[in-house]
């Protein structure tokens, strides 16, 4: 029986596939750290109160990148090149989702609309990250090597998602409601397509490394396409709804460090 736990266990048990998994994750997290740091530096005066929270978000993402790199070092592994077809953050930017890197490299203050774009993009991608880490936490929270990392990252992703909900609701009350919903819907529909493509690419690379038979690879691909069909039909709506989170001011304090990893 093919299960998420069995699939991930195979990836974890093989050095080459584990290095690829961690390298993909570390690259995406580090990119997110850079993006949030630049956004924090360019926040418009009207939203300056957000700067420490955005910086905290970026510090968390940087920490996650260090954790994935530390997990590799613990096994005597080095990072490997990330295949372009598995680069989730790059593909999102190419699709026009979120703030363009060229915009972030310029030293010009962002606008209120830019902040809406940033938070809507984060709302969608943090939904995905939170769900993925909850899946890993369910299966690997007690794993001797991965458990502590999985629990820490999962808690951070839940904080990031709560922060996005709270700030978008605040901006909606300030009159940005229509822009928020329009941006959320566009981000969600693009994200589910890119997530499908990246998932197919990652599974193809893992299959090559682990020597999966064609039938198994075809079954996994069919499952990915089925998830996309459901998300395209209705599942995307979970990414655009907004509700006040139980965790209020989730990014209001300093970033929690991870000295045992980094």
Protein backbone atom coordinates (compact mmCIF):
# COMPACT_ATOMS: atom_id res chain seq x y z
CA UNK A 1 0.00 0.00 0.00
CA UNK A 2 1.45 3.36 -1.05
CA UNK A 3 1.19 5.93 1.74
CA UNK A 4 2.66 9.38 2.40
CA UNK A 5 4.64 8.00 5.32
CA UNK A 6 6.10 5.11 3.34
CA UNK A 7 6.93 7.38 0.42
CA UNK A 8 8.72 9.93 2.55
CA UNK A 9 10.48 7.20 4.54
CA UNK A 10 12.00 5.90 1.32
CA UNK A 11 13.25 9.38 0.47
CA UNK A 12 14.68 9.86 3.96
CA UNK A 13 16.43 6.48 4.04
CA UNK A 14 18.42 7.11 0.84
CA UNK A 15 21.27 9.63 1.10
CA UNK A 16 20.96 10.91 -2.47
CA UNK A 17 17.19 11.47 -2.35
CA UNK A 18 17.41 12.95 1.15
CA UNK A 19 20.07 15.42 0.01
CA UNK A 20 17.89 16.46 -2.91
CA UNK A 21 14.81 16.86 -0.70
CA UNK A 22 16.68 18.97 1.86
CA UNK A 23 18.41 21.04 -0.83
CA UNK A 24 15.09 21.88 -2.49
CA UNK A 25 13.56 22.80 0.88
CA UNK A 26 16.58 24.82 2.03
CA UNK A 27 16.71 26.77 -1.22
CA UNK A 28 13.06 27.73 -1.05
CA UNK A 29 13.25 28.74 2.60
CA UNK A 30 16.40 30.83 2.08
CA UNK A 31 14.78 32.59 -0.88
CA UNK A 32 11.76 33.35 1.29
CA UNK A 33 14.06 34.75 3.94
CA UNK A 34 15.66 37.15 1.45
CA UNK A 35 12.29 38.26 0.06
CA UNK A 36 10.86 39.03 3.49
CA UNK A 37 14.01 40.86 4.57
CA UNK A 38 13.78 43.12 1.51
CA UNK A 39 10.07 43.73 2.02
CA UNK A 40 10.69 44.64 5.67
CA UNK A 41 13.30 47.17 4.55
CA UNK A 42 10.95 48.73 1.97
CA UNK A 43 7.66 48.85 3.89
CA UNK A 44 5.85 52.16 3.25
CA UNK A 45 5.52 54.61 6.11
CA UNK A 46 1.80 53.89 6.44
CA UNK A 47 2.56 50.24 7.26
CA UNK A 48 5.79 50.64 9.24
CA UNK A 49 4.31 48.73 12.17
CA UNK A 50 4.50 45.63 9.96
CA UNK A 51 8.26 45.84 9.43
CA UNK A 52 9.26 43.88 12.59
CA UNK A 53 6.72 41.15 11.82
CA UNK A 54 7.88 40.83 8.21
CA UNK A 55 11.50 40.73 9.41
CA UNK A 56 10.52 38.01 11.91
CA UNK A 57 8.90 36.08 9.07
CA UNK A 58 12.11 36.33 7.07
CA UNK A 59 14.25 35.29 10.05
CA UNK A 60 12.08 32.20 10.48
CA UNK A 61 12.51 31.27 6.82
CA UNK A 62 16.28 31.72 7.06
CA UNK A 63 16.26 29.50 10.16
CA UNK A 64 14.38 26.79 8.27
CA UNK A 65 16.97 26.88 5.51
CA UNK A 66 19.73 26.44 8.08
CA UNK A 67 17.85 23.55 9.68
CA UNK A 68 17.58 21.66 6.39
CA UNK A 69 21.26 22.24 5.72
CA UNK A 70 22.09 21.04 9.25
CA UNK A 71 20.07 17.86 8.72
CA UNK A 72 22.26 17.13 5.70
CA UNK A 73 25.48 17.87 7.57
CA UNK A 74 24.38 15.52 10.35
CA UNK A 75 24.44 12.69 7.80
CA UNK A 76 27.67 13.83 6.21
CA UNK A 77 25.87 15.09 3.10
CA UNK A 78 26.43 18.25 1.09
CA UNK A 79 23.74 20.32 -0.65
CA UNK A 80 23.11 19.38 -4.28
CA UNK A 81 22.01 21.57 -7.20
CA UNK A 82 18.27 22.17 -7.24
CA UNK A 83 16.70 21.20 -10.60
CA UNK A 84 14.97 24.21 -12.13
CA UNK A 85 11.70 22.36 -12.54
CA UNK A 86 11.54 21.83 -8.77
CA UNK A 87 12.20 25.48 -7.83
CA UNK A 88 8.79 26.43 -6.43
CA UNK A 89 9.65 30.03 -5.48
CA UNK A 90 11.29 30.80 -8.82
CA UNK A 91 8.33 29.40 -10.75
CA UNK A 92 5.89 31.44 -8.66
CA UNK A 93 7.82 34.61 -9.41
CA UNK A 94 7.93 33.79 -13.12
CA UNK A 95 4.15 33.40 -13.03
CA UNK A 96 3.86 36.92 -11.62
CA UNK A 97 2.82 35.78 -8.16
CA UNK A 98 3.98 37.99 -5.31
CA UNK A 99 6.40 40.89 -5.65
CA UNK A 100 8.95 40.67 -8.46
CA UNK A 101 12.56 40.34 -7.36
CA UNK A 102 13.50 43.30 -9.52
CA UNK A 103 11.06 45.38 -7.48
CA UNK A 104 12.59 44.15 -4.24
CA UNK A 105 16.16 44.87 -5.35
CA UNK A 106 15.32 48.51 -6.03
CA UNK A 107 15.62 50.91 -3.13
CA UNK A 108 12.17 52.43 -3.56
CA UNK A 109 9.51 52.17 -0.85
CA UNK A 110 6.69 49.74 -1.50
CA UNK A 111 3.07 50.87 -1.75
CA UNK A 112 0.01 49.80 0.21
CA UNK A 113 -0.99 47.75 -2.86
CA UNK A 114 2.40 46.02 -2.77
CA UNK A 115 1.76 45.05 0.85
CA UNK A 116 -1.61 43.58 -0.12
CA UNK A 117 0.12 41.62 -2.88
CA UNK A 118 2.79 40.37 -0.48
CA UNK A 119 0.33 39.30 2.20
CA UNK A 120 -2.05 37.62 -0.27
CA UNK A 121 0.84 35.69 -1.82
CA UNK A 122 2.02 34.69 1.65
CA UNK A 123 -1.51 33.68 2.71
CA UNK A 124 -1.67 31.20 -0.17
CA UNK A 125 1.86 29.79 0.06
CA UNK A 126 1.81 29.56 3.86
CA UNK A 127 -1.42 27.55 3.62
CA UNK A 128 0.51 25.04 1.53
CA UNK A 129 3.52 25.09 3.83
CA UNK A 130 1.39 24.65 6.94
CA UNK A 131 -0.44 21.67 5.44
CA UNK A 132 2.76 20.00 4.26
CA UNK A 133 4.47 20.39 7.63
CA UNK A 134 1.40 19.12 9.50
CA UNK A 135 1.54 16.00 7.33
CA UNK A 136 5.21 15.50 8.17
CA UNK A 137 4.55 16.23 11.84
CA UNK A 138 1.79 13.62 11.91
CA UNK A 139 4.14 10.93 10.63
CA UNK A 140 7.58 12.03 11.83
CA UNK A 141 7.13 14.12 14.99
CA UNK A 142 8.84 11.37 17.02
CA UNK A 143 11.54 10.53 14.47
CA UNK A 144 14.94 10.57 16.24
CA UNK A 145 16.65 12.72 13.58
CA UNK A 146 13.80 14.69 11.98
CA UNK A 147 11.25 15.05 14.77
CA UNK A 148 12.53 18.21 16.45
CA UNK A 149 13.07 19.98 13.13
CA UNK A 150 9.62 19.01 11.85
CA UNK A 151 7.88 20.21 15.02
CA UNK A 152 9.74 23.53 15.05
CA UNK A 153 9.18 24.33 11.38
CA UNK A 154 5.53 23.26 11.55
CA UNK A 155 4.87 25.59 14.47
CA UNK A 156 6.53 28.48 12.61
CA UNK A 157 4.46 27.86 9.48
CA UNK A 158 1.26 27.89 11.54
CA UNK A 159 2.38 31.24 13.00
CA UNK A 160 3.03 32.64 9.52
CA UNK A 161 -0.41 31.58 8.32
CA UNK A 162 -2.11 33.11 11.37
CA UNK A 163 -0.23 36.38 10.81
CA UNK A 164 -1.37 36.55 7.18
CA UNK A 165 -5.01 36.03 8.14
CA UNK A 166 -4.90 38.71 10.82
CA UNK A 167 -3.15 41.34 8.72
CA UNK A 168 -5.30 40.76 5.63
CA UNK A 169 -8.45 41.10 7.72
CA UNK A 170 -7.09 44.38 9.08
CA UNK A 171 -6.42 45.65 5.56
CA UNK A 172 -9.86 44.49 4.43
CA UNK A 173 -11.44 46.60 7.16
CA UNK A 174 -9.32 49.51 5.94
CA UNK A 175 -10.96 49.32 2.50
CA UNK A 176 -8.77 46.86 0.58
CA UNK A 177 -11.26 44.00 0.64
CA UNK A 178 -11.92 43.72 -3.11
CA UNK A 179 -8.24 43.96 -4.00
CA UNK A 180 -7.42 41.31 -1.41
CA UNK A 181 -10.01 38.83 -2.70
CA UNK A 182 -9.01 39.42 -6.32
CA UNK A 183 -5.33 38.94 -5.53
CA UNK A 184 -5.94 35.90 -3.35
CA UNK A 185 -7.93 34.15 -6.07
CA UNK A 186 -5.29 34.82 -8.72
CA UNK A 187 -2.51 33.62 -6.41
CA UNK A 188 -4.39 30.48 -5.42
CA UNK A 189 -5.19 29.39 -8.96
CA UNK A 190 -1.60 29.95 -10.08
CA UNK A 191 -0.16 28.26 -6.99
CA UNK A 192 -2.12 25.03 -7.37
CA UNK A 193 -0.91 24.70 -10.96
CA UNK A 194 2.71 25.37 -10.05
CA UNK A 195 2.48 23.04 -7.04
CA UNK A 196 1.23 20.29 -9.37
CA UNK A 197 4.11 20.86 -11.79
CA UNK A 198 6.72 20.97 -9.03
CA UNK A 199 5.27 17.85 -7.37
CA UNK A 200 5.45 15.95 -10.66
CA UNK A 201 9.04 17.10 -11.18
CA UNK A 202 10.13 16.21 -7.64
CA UNK A 203 8.57 12.75 -7.87
CA UNK A 204 10.21 12.17 -11.26
CA UNK A 205 13.65 13.05 -9.86
CA UNK A 206 13.06 10.91 -6.76
CA UNK A 207 11.89 8.03 -8.93
CA UNK A 208 15.08 8.20 -10.97
CA UNK A 209 17.21 8.18 -7.82
CA UNK A 210 15.29 5.40 -6.06
CA UNK A 211 14.65 3.29 -9.13
CA UNK A 212 10.89 3.25 -8.89
CA UNK A 213 9.15 1.05 -11.48
CA UNK A 214 7.12 2.81 -14.15
CA UNK A 215 3.84 1.60 -12.67
CA UNK A 216 4.59 3.21 -9.34
CA UNK A 217 5.70 6.48 -10.90
CA UNK A 218 2.54 6.50 -13.02
CA UNK A 219 0.40 5.90 -9.93
CA UNK A 220 2.07 8.79 -8.09
CA UNK A 221 1.64 11.09 -11.09
CA UNK A 222 -2.04 10.13 -11.33
CA UNK A 223 -2.46 10.97 -7.66
CA UNK A 224 -0.85 14.39 -8.14
CA UNK A 225 -3.14 15.11 -11.09
CA UNK A 226 -6.16 14.02 -9.04
CA UNK A 227 -5.23 16.42 -6.22
CA UNK A 228 -4.86 19.21 -8.77
CA UNK A 229 -8.27 18.42 -10.29
CA UNK A 230 -9.88 18.66 -6.85
CA UNK A 231 -8.02 21.87 -6.02
CA UNK A 232 -8.91 23.41 -9.38
CA UNK A 233 -12.58 22.54 -8.87
CA UNK A 234 -13.03 23.52 -5.22
CA UNK A 235 -9.95 23.08 -3.04
CA UNK A 236 -8.45 26.45 -3.95
CA UNK A 237 -11.18 28.13 -1.90
CA UNK A 238 -9.50 27.09 1.35
CA UNK A 239 -6.59 29.31 0.30
CA UNK A 240 -8.64 32.47 -0.13
CA UNK A 241 -10.92 32.42 2.91
CA UNK A 242 -10.04 34.70 5.81
CA UNK A 243 -10.89 34.23 9.47
CA UNK A 244 -9.48 35.63 12.67
CA UNK A 245 -6.90 33.11 13.91
CA UNK A 246 -6.68 31.69 17.39
CA UNK A 247 -3.02 32.73 17.45
CA UNK A 248 -3.17 36.51 17.63
CA UNK A 249 -0.08 38.62 16.92
CA UNK A 250 1.73 35.40 16.04
CA UNK A 251 4.84 37.23 14.79
CA UNK A 252 4.84 39.96 17.40
CA UNK A 253 7.96 38.76 19.25
CA UNK A 254 11.55 37.98 18.35
CA UNK A 255 12.35 34.99 16.16
CA UNK A 256 12.94 31.73 17.99
CA UNK A 257 16.48 30.57 17.29
CA UNK A 258 17.52 27.00 16.59
CA UNK A 259 21.05 26.65 18.06
CA UNK A 260 20.74 22.86 18.04
CA UNK A 261 20.51 22.94 14.26
CA UNK A 262 22.18 26.08 12.96
